[in-house]
PDB file of N, CA and C in Angstrom:
ATOM      1  N   GLN A   1     101.473 111.332  84.122  1.00  0.00           N
ATOM      2  CA  GLN A   1     100.306 110.238  84.604  1.00  0.00           C
ATOM      3  C   GLN A   1      99.927 109.555  86.027  1.00  0.00           C
ATOM      4  N   LYS A   2      99.022 109.866  86.157  1.00  0.00           N
ATOM      5  CA  LYS A   2      98.193 109.973  87.700  1.00  0.00           C
ATOM      6  C   LYS A   2      98.333 108.514  87.804  1.00  0.00           C
ATOM      7  N   ARG A   3      98.921 108.048  89.411  1.00  0.00           N
ATOM      8  CA  ARG A   3      98.596 107.159  90.602  1.00  0.00           C
ATOM      9  C   ARG A   3      97.251 106.378  90.024  1.00  0.00           C
ATOM     10  N   ASP A   4      96.066 107.065  89.752  1.00  0.00           N
ATOM     11  CA  ASP A   4      94.974 106.870  89.856  1.00  0.00           C
ATOM     12  C   ASP A   4      95.044 105.868  88.877  1.00  0.00           C
ATOM     13  N   SER A   5      95.135 107.064  87.498  1.00  0.00           N
ATOM     14  CA  SER A   5      94.986 105.868  86.704  1.00  0.00           C
ATOM     15  C   SER A   5      95.824 104.825  86.238  1.00  0.00           C
ATOM     16  N   LEU A   6      97.261 104.828  86.817  1.00  0.00           N
ATOM     17  CA  LEU A   6      97.863 103.635  86.368  1.00  0.00           C
ATOM     18  C   LEU A   6      97.432 102.319  87.140  1.00  0.00           C
ATOM     19  N   ILE A   7      96.671 102.873  88.564  1.00  0.00           N
ATOM     20  CA  ILE A   7      95.857 101.822  89.440  1.00  0.00           C
ATOM     21  C   ILE A   7      95.232 101.438  88.085  1.00  0.00           C
ATOM     22  N   ALA A   8      94.460 101.600  87.640  1.00  0.00           N
ATOM     23  CA  ALA A   8      93.286 101.400  87.007  1.00  0.00           C
ATOM     24  C   ALA A   8      93.246 100.945  85.897  1.00  0.00           C
ATOM     25  N   ALA A   9      95.025 100.444  85.437  1.00  0.00           N
ATOM     26  CA  ALA A   9      95.253 100.134  84.399  1.00  0.00           C
ATOM     27  C   ALA A   9      96.163  99.009  84.890  1.00  0.00           C
ATOM     28  N   VAL A  10      96.471  98.951  86.100  1.00  0.00           N
ATOM     29  CA  VAL A  10      97.323  97.616  86.750  1.00  0.00           C
ATOM     30  C   VAL A  10      97.555  97.709  87.821  1.00  0.00           C
ATOM     31  N   PRO A  11      96.100  96.746  88.314  1.00  0.00           N
ATOM     32  CA  PRO A  11      96.002  96.652  89.735  1.00  0.00           C
ATOM     33  C   PRO A  11      96.933  96.237  90.620  1.00  0.00           C
ATOM     34  N   GLU A  12      97.567  95.492  90.461  1.00  0.00           N
ATOM     35  CA  GLU A  12      98.730  95.309  91.383  1.00  0.00           C
ATOM     36  C   GLU A  12      99.505  96.863  91.629  1.00  0.00           C
ATOM     37  N   LEU A  13      99.535  97.686  91.040  1.00  0.00           N
ATOM     38  CA  LEU A  13     100.738  98.675  91.618  1.00  0.00           C
ATOM     39  C   LEU A  13      99.807  99.329  92.607  1.00  0.00           C
ATOM     40  N   ASP A  14      98.655  99.203  93.005  1.00  0.00           N
ATOM     41  CA  ASP A  14      98.266  99.711  94.191  1.00  0.00           C
ATOM     42  C   ASP A  14      98.467  98.756  95.493  1.00  0.00           C
ATOM     43  N   LYS A  15      99.125  97.687  95.383  1.00  0.00           N
ATOM     44  CA  LYS A  15      99.528  96.575  96.707  1.00  0.00           C
ATOM     45  C   LYS A  15     101.047  96.470  96.969  1.00  0.00           C
ATOM     46  N   THR A  16     101.750  97.950  96.318  1.00  0.00           N
ATOM     47  CA  THR A  16     103.122  97.652  96.485  1.00  0.00           C
ATOM     48  C   THR A  16     103.134  99.104  97.195  1.00  0.00           C
ATOM     49  N   GLU A  17     104.422  99.145  98.069  1.00  0.00           N
ATOM     50  CA  GLU A  17     104.905 100.445  98.747  1.00  0.00           C
ATOM     51  C   GLU A  17     106.099 101.530  98.157  1.00  0.00           C
ATOM     52  N   PRO A  18     105.716 102.339  97.091  1.00  0.00           N
ATOM     53  CA  PRO A  18     106.785 102.056  96.064  1.00  0.00           C
ATOM     54  C   PRO A  18     108.100 102.752  96.788  1.00  0.00           C
ATOM     55  N   GLY A  19     109.035 102.654  96.635  1.00  0.00           N
ATOM     56  CA  GLY A  19     110.606 102.853  97.018  1.00  0.00           C
ATOM     57  C   GLY A  19     111.018 103.929  95.675  1.00  0.00           C
ATOM     58  N   LEU A  20     110.884 103.728  95.022  1.00  0.00           N
ATOM     59  CA  LEU A  20     111.222 105.038  93.751  1.00  0.00           C
ATOM     60  C   LEU A  20     110.019 105.538  92.943  1.00  0.00           C
ATOM     61  N   SER A  21     109.588 106.349  92.892  1.00  0.00           N
ATOM     62  CA  SER A  21     108.343 106.529  92.119  1.00  0.00           C
ATOM     63  C   SER A  21     108.923 107.534  90.893  1.00  0.00           C
ATOM     64  N   GLY A  22     108.435 106.637  90.075  1.00  0.00           N
ATOM     65  CA  GLY A  22     108.592 106.838  88.414  1.00  0.00           C
ATOM     66  C   GLY A  22     107.853 106.333  87.190  1.00  0.00           C
ATOM     67  N   THR A  23     107.911 106.763  86.172  1.00  0.00           N
ATOM     68  CA  THR A  23     107.501 105.537  85.222  1.00  0.00           C
ATOM     69  C   THR A  23     108.813 105.849  84.358  1.00  0.00           C
ATOM     70  N   ILE A  24     108.847 104.379  83.165  1.00  0.00           N
ATOM     71  CA  ILE A  24     109.992 104.398  82.389  1.00  0.00           C
ATOM     72  C   ILE A  24     108.747 103.704  81.245  1.00  0.00           C
ATOM     73  N   TYR A  25     108.703 103.861  79.817  1.00  0.00           N
ATOM     74  CA  TYR A  25     108.090 103.539  78.964  1.00  0.00           C
ATOM     75  C   TYR A  25     108.997 103.531  77.755  1.00  0.00           C
ATOM     76  N   LEU A  26     109.177 101.985  77.787  1.00  0.00           N
ATOM     77  CA  LEU A  26     109.929 101.470  77.163  1.00  0.00           C
ATOM     78  C   LEU A  26     109.659 100.875  75.562  1.00  0.00           C
ATOM     79  N   ARG A  27     109.496 101.955  74.891  1.00  0.00           N
ATOM     80  CA  ARG A  27     109.176 101.862  73.332  1.00  0.00           C
ATOM     81  C   ARG A  27     110.016 101.424  72.358  1.00  0.00           C
ATOM     82  N   GLY A  28     109.175 100.616  70.960  1.00  0.00           N
ATOM     83  CA  GLY A  28     110.346 100.035  69.981  1.00  0.00           C
ATOM     84  C   GLY A  28     110.150  98.382  70.375  1.00  0.00           C
ATOM     85  N   PHE A  29     109.480  98.513  71.152  1.00  0.00           N
ATOM     86  CA  PHE A  29     109.392  96.765  71.845  1.00  0.00           C
ATOM     87  C   PHE A  29     108.483  95.922  71.013  1.00  0.00           C
ATOM     88  N   SER A  30     108.563  94.477  71.071  1.00  0.00           N
ATOM     89  CA  SER A  30     107.218  94.027  70.055  1.00  0.00           C
ATOM     90  C   SER A  30     106.553  93.220  71.505  1.00  0.00           C
ATOM     91  N   PRO A  31     105.663  93.532  71.988  1.00  0.00           N
ATOM     92  CA  PRO A  31     104.762  93.425  73.205  1.00  0.00           C
ATOM     93  C   PRO A  31     104.383  91.967  72.678  1.00  0.00           C
ATOM     94  N   ASP A  32     104.456  91.166  71.825  1.00  0.00           N
ATOM     95  CA  ASP A  32     103.782  90.230  71.210  1.00  0.00           C
ATOM     96  C   ASP A  32     104.843  88.845  71.204  1.00  0.00           C
ATOM     97  N   ALA A  33     106.513  89.748  70.895  1.00  0.00           N
ATOM     98  CA  ALA A  33     107.171  89.084  70.661  1.00  0.00           C
ATOM     99  C   ALA A  33     107.689  88.602  72.553  1.00  0.00           C
ATOM    100  N   ILE A  34     107.630  89.823  73.694  1.00  0.00           N
ATOM    101  CA  ILE A  34     107.927  89.539  74.670  1.00  0.00           C
ATOM    102  C   ILE A  34     107.261  88.536  75.308  1.00  0.00           C
ATOM    103  N   LEU A  35     106.413  88.727  75.161  1.00  0.00           N
ATOM    104  CA  LEU A  35     104.655  87.962  76.002  1.00  0.00           C
ATOM    105  C   LEU A  35     105.350  86.239  75.812  1.00  0.00           C
ATOM    106  N   SER A  36     105.829  86.130  74.316  1.00  0.00           N
ATOM    107  CA  SER A  36     106.245  84.853  74.281  1.00  0.00           C
ATOM    108  C   SER A  36     107.504  83.890  74.838  1.00  0.00           C
ATOM    109  N   ARG A  37     108.504  84.948  75.605  1.00  0.00           N
ATOM    110  CA  ARG A  37     109.406  84.476  76.490  1.00  0.00           C
ATOM    111  C   ARG A  37     109.450  84.847  78.131  1.00  0.00           C
ATOM    112  N   LEU A  38     108.002  84.870  78.267  1.00  0.00           N
ATOM    113  CA  LEU A  38     107.600  85.198  79.809  1.00  0.00           C
ATOM    114  C   LEU A  38     106.957  84.445  80.290  1.00  0.00           C
ATOM    115  N   PRO A  39     106.902  83.899  81.413  1.00  0.00           N
ATOM    116  CA  PRO A  39     106.258  83.170  81.960  1.00  0.00           C
ATOM    117  C   PRO A  39     104.867  83.780  82.236  1.00  0.00           C
ATOM    118  N   SER A  40     103.989  82.769  82.599  1.00  0.00           N
ATOM    119  CA  SER A  40     102.553  83.538  82.898  1.00  0.00           C
ATOM    120  C   SER A  40     102.128  84.117  84.366  1.00  0.00           C
ATOM    121  N   GLU A  41     102.858  83.820  85.194  1.00  0.00           N
ATOM    122  CA  GLU A  41     102.889  84.578  86.120  1.00  0.00           C
ATOM    123  C   GLU A  41     102.944  86.022  86.101  1.00  0.00           C
ATOM    124  N   GLN A  42     104.541  85.671  85.414  1.00  0.00           N
ATOM    125  CA  GLN A  42     104.807  87.364  85.547  1.00  0.00           C
ATOM    126  C   GLN A  42     104.032  88.257  84.292  1.00  0.00           C
ATOM    127  N   ILE A  43     102.941  88.244  83.799  1.00  0.00           N
ATOM    128  CA  ILE A  43     101.814  89.099  82.864  1.00  0.00           C
ATOM    129  C   ILE A  43     101.012  89.538  83.343  1.00  0.00           C
ATOM    130  N   LEU A  44     101.233  90.526  83.460  1.00  0.00           N
ATOM    131  CA  LEU A  44      99.677  91.920  84.803  1.00  0.00           C
ATOM    132  C   LEU A  44      98.868  92.344  83.649  1.00  0.00           C
ATOM    133  N   ARG A  45      99.263  92.365  82.496  1.00  0.00           N
ATOM    134  CA  ARG A  45      98.159  92.992  81.396  1.00  0.00           C
ATOM    135  C   ARG A  45      98.800  92.917  80.117  1.00  0.00           C
ATOM    136  N   GLY A  46      97.745  92.690  78.856  1.00  0.00           N
ATOM    137  CA  GLY A  46      98.357  92.497  77.783  1.00  0.00           C
ATOM    138  C   GLY A  46      98.479  91.577  77.410  1.00  0.00           C
ATOM    139  N   PRO A  47      98.855  91.845  75.717  1.00  0.00           N
ATOM    140  CA  PRO A  47      99.256  92.546  75.380  1.00  0.00           C
ATOM    141  C   PRO A  47      97.916  93.324  74.614  1.00  0.00           C
ATOM    142  N   VAL A  48      97.811  94.787  74.814  1.00  0.00           N
ATOM    143  CA  VAL A  48      96.432  95.371  74.749  1.00  0.00           C
ATOM    144  C   VAL A  48      96.800  96.831  73.759  1.00  0.00           C
ATOM    145  N   GLN A  49      95.670  97.059  72.602  1.00  0.00           N
ATOM    146  CA  GLN A  49      95.871  97.945  71.666  1.00  0.00           C
ATOM    147  C   GLN A  49      95.941  99.396  72.967  1.00  0.00           C
ATOM    148  N   GLN A  50      95.879 100.316  73.114  1.00  0.00           N
ATOM    149  CA  GLN A  50      95.747 101.580  73.559  1.00  0.00           C
ATOM    150  C   GLN A  50      95.115 102.427  72.476  1.00  0.00           C
ATOM    151  N   TRP A  51      93.967 103.650  72.978  1.00  0.00           N
ATOM    152  CA  TRP A  51      93.296 104.182  72.546  1.00  0.00           C
ATOM    153  C   TRP A  51      94.431 105.654  71.570  1.00  0.00           C
ATOM    154  N   TYR A  52      95.584 105.298  72.427  1.00  0.00           N
ATOM    155  CA  TYR A  52      96.471 106.324  71.618  1.00  0.00           C
ATOM    156  C   TYR A  52      97.612 106.062  70.626  1.00  0.00           C
ATOM    157  N   GLY A  53      97.281 104.796  70.628  1.00  0.00           N
ATOM    158  CA  GLY A  53      97.507 103.811  69.255  1.00  0.00           C
ATOM    159  C   GLY A  53      99.127 103.539  69.500  1.00  0.00           C
ATOM    160  N   MET A  54      98.955 102.827  70.459  1.00  0.00           N
ATOM    161  CA  MET A  54     100.601 101.821  70.723  1.00  0.00           C
ATOM    162  C   MET A  54      99.456 100.312  71.521  1.00  0.00           C
ATOM    163  N   ARG A  55     100.876  99.955  70.887  1.00  0.00           N
ATOM    164  CA  ARG A  55     100.218  97.813  71.940  1.00  0.00           C
ATOM    165  C   ARG A  55     101.054  98.397  72.702  1.00  0.00           C
ATOM    166  N   GLU A  56     100.361  97.584  74.059  1.00  0.00           N
ATOM    167  CA  GLU A  56     101.321  97.522  74.882  1.00  0.00           C
ATOM    168  C   GLU A  56     101.686  96.495  76.350  1.00  0.00           C
ATOM    169  N   LEU A  57     102.325  95.866  76.468  1.00  0.00           N
ATOM    170  CA  LEU A  57     102.195  94.435  77.133  1.00  0.00           C
ATOM    171  C   LEU A  57     103.531  95.246  78.793  1.00  0.00           C
ATOM    172  N   TYR A  58     102.113  95.187  80.254  1.00  0.00           N
ATOM    173  CA  TYR A  58     103.325  95.061  81.620  1.00  0.00           C
ATOM    174  C   TYR A  58     103.128  93.685  82.071  1.00  0.00           C
ATOM    175  N   PHE A  59     104.595  94.097  82.658  1.00  0.00           N
ATOM    176  CA  PHE A  59     104.687  92.582  83.023  1.00  0.00           C
ATOM    177  C   PHE A  59     105.958  92.943  84.461  1.00  0.00           C
ATOM    178  N   ARG A  60     106.164  91.759  85.017  1.00  0.00           N
ATOM    179  CA  ARG A  60     106.572  91.769  86.598  1.00  0.00           C
ATOM    180  C   ARG A  60     107.817  91.673  86.076  1.00  0.00           C
ATOM    181  N   ASP A  61     109.263  92.404  86.241  1.00  0.00           N
ATOM    182  CA  ASP A  61     110.860  91.466  85.622  1.00  0.00           C
ATOM    183  C   ASP A  61     111.021  90.663  87.167  1.00  0.00           C
ATOM    184  N   PRO A  62     112.071  89.932  86.898  1.00  0.00           N
ATOM    185  CA  PRO A  62     112.738  89.083  88.125  1.00  0.00           C
ATOM    186  C   PRO A  62     112.477  89.923  89.691  1.00  0.00           C
ATOM    187  N   ASP A  63     113.360  91.157  89.354  1.00  0.00           N
ATOM    188  CA  ASP A  63     113.159  91.971  90.993  1.00  0.00           C
ATOM    189  C   ASP A  63     112.259  92.898  91.272  1.00  0.00           C
ATOM    190  N   GLY A  64     110.797  92.134  90.507  1.00  0.00           N
ATOM    191  CA  GLY A  64     109.833  92.659  90.913  1.00  0.00           C
ATOM    192  C   GLY A  64     109.210  93.869  91.254  1.00  0.00           C
ATOM    193  N   TYR A  65     109.914  94.894  89.551  1.00  0.00           N
ATOM    194  CA  TYR A  65     109.676  96.015  89.064  1.00  0.00           C
ATOM    195  C   TYR A  65     108.692  95.893  87.944  1.00  0.00           C
ATOM    196  N   ILE A  66     107.736  96.651  87.885  1.00  0.00           N
ATOM    197  CA  ILE A  66     106.950  96.484  87.193  1.00  0.00           C
ATOM    198  C   ILE A  66     106.949  97.260  85.862  1.00  0.00           C
ATOM    199  N   LEU A  67     107.202  96.780  84.320  1.00  0.00           N
ATOM    200  CA  LEU A  67     107.352  97.460  83.133  1.00  0.00           C
ATOM    201  C   LEU A  67     106.593  96.902  82.234  1.00  0.00           C
ATOM    202  N   CYS A  68     106.714  98.206  81.443  1.00  0.00           N
ATOM    203  CA  CYS A  68     105.200  98.091  80.050  1.00  0.00           C
ATOM    204  C   CYS A  68     106.698  98.781  78.976  1.00  0.00           C
ATOM    205  N   VAL A  69     106.427  97.872  78.159  1.00  0.00           N
ATOM    206  CA  VAL A  69     106.792  97.647  76.940  1.00  0.00           C
ATOM    207  C   VAL A  69     106.181  97.649  75.445  1.00  0.00           C
ATOM    208  N   GLY A  70     106.386  98.854  74.518  1.00  0.00           N
ATOM    209  CA  GLY A  70     104.676  99.197  73.933  1.00  0.00           C
ATOM    210  C   GLY A  70     105.659  99.479  71.827  1.00  0.00           C
ATOM    211  N   ASN A  71     104.981  99.253  71.116  1.00  0.00           N
ATOM    212  CA  ASN A  71     104.935  99.416  69.600  1.00  0.00           C
ATOM    213  C   ASN A  71     104.185 100.868  69.282  1.00  0.00           C
ATOM    214  N   ALA A  72     104.442 101.708  68.495  1.00  0.00           N
ATOM    215  CA  ALA A  72     103.398 101.621  67.755  1.00  0.00           C
ATOM    216  C   ALA A  72     102.675 101.489  66.878  1.00  0.00           C
ATOM    217  N   GLU A  73     101.410 101.280  67.010  1.00  0.00           N
ATOM    218  CA  GLU A  73     100.918 100.054  65.994  1.00  0.00           C
ATOM    219  C   GLU A  73      99.132 100.070  65.479  1.00  0.00           C
ATOM    220  N   GLY A  74      99.009 101.669  65.822  1.00  0.00           N
ATOM    221  CA  GLY A  74      97.820 102.503  65.157  1.00  0.00           C
ATOM    222  C   GLY A  74      97.771 103.717  65.130  1.00  0.00           C
ATOM    223  N   GLN A  75      96.481 104.554  64.903  1.00  0.00           N
ATOM    224  CA  GLN A  75      96.427 105.645  64.319  1.00  0.00           C
ATOM    225  C   GLN A  75      96.835 106.711  65.724  1.00  0.00           C
ATOM    226  N   ALA A  76      97.586 107.799  66.156  1.00  0.00           N
ATOM    227  CA  ALA A  76      97.590 108.260  67.177  1.00  0.00           C
ATOM    228  C   ALA A  76      96.827 109.079  67.598  1.00  0.00           C
ATOM    229  N   PRO A  77      95.883 109.610  68.175  1.00  0.00           N
ATOM    230  CA  PRO A  77      95.225 110.694  68.231  1.00  0.00           C
ATOM    231  C   PRO A  77      95.572 112.227  67.705  1.00  0.00           C
ATOM    232  N   SER A  78      95.108 112.710  67.049  1.00  0.00           N
ATOM    233  CA  SER A  78      95.360 114.297  66.737  1.00  0.00           C
ATOM    234  C   SER A  78      95.081 115.022  67.621  1.00  0.00           C
TER     235      SER A  78
END
């Protein structure tokens, strides 16, 4: 994924200077279950149903990293 599309999805990424560049995508976690455990100030986006069949939640962890968890809940594109 390109930086511009990530920033479009999560604008907070444009406010940081990356020290480590990479994306880790965590699948199989219920965004709704995790949402109920997070303080609202940590939530950046979602949960949102993506066009490619994943329901995703973006949030900031206590160390400041931005994480995305997702679960397949829709039809994947063919």
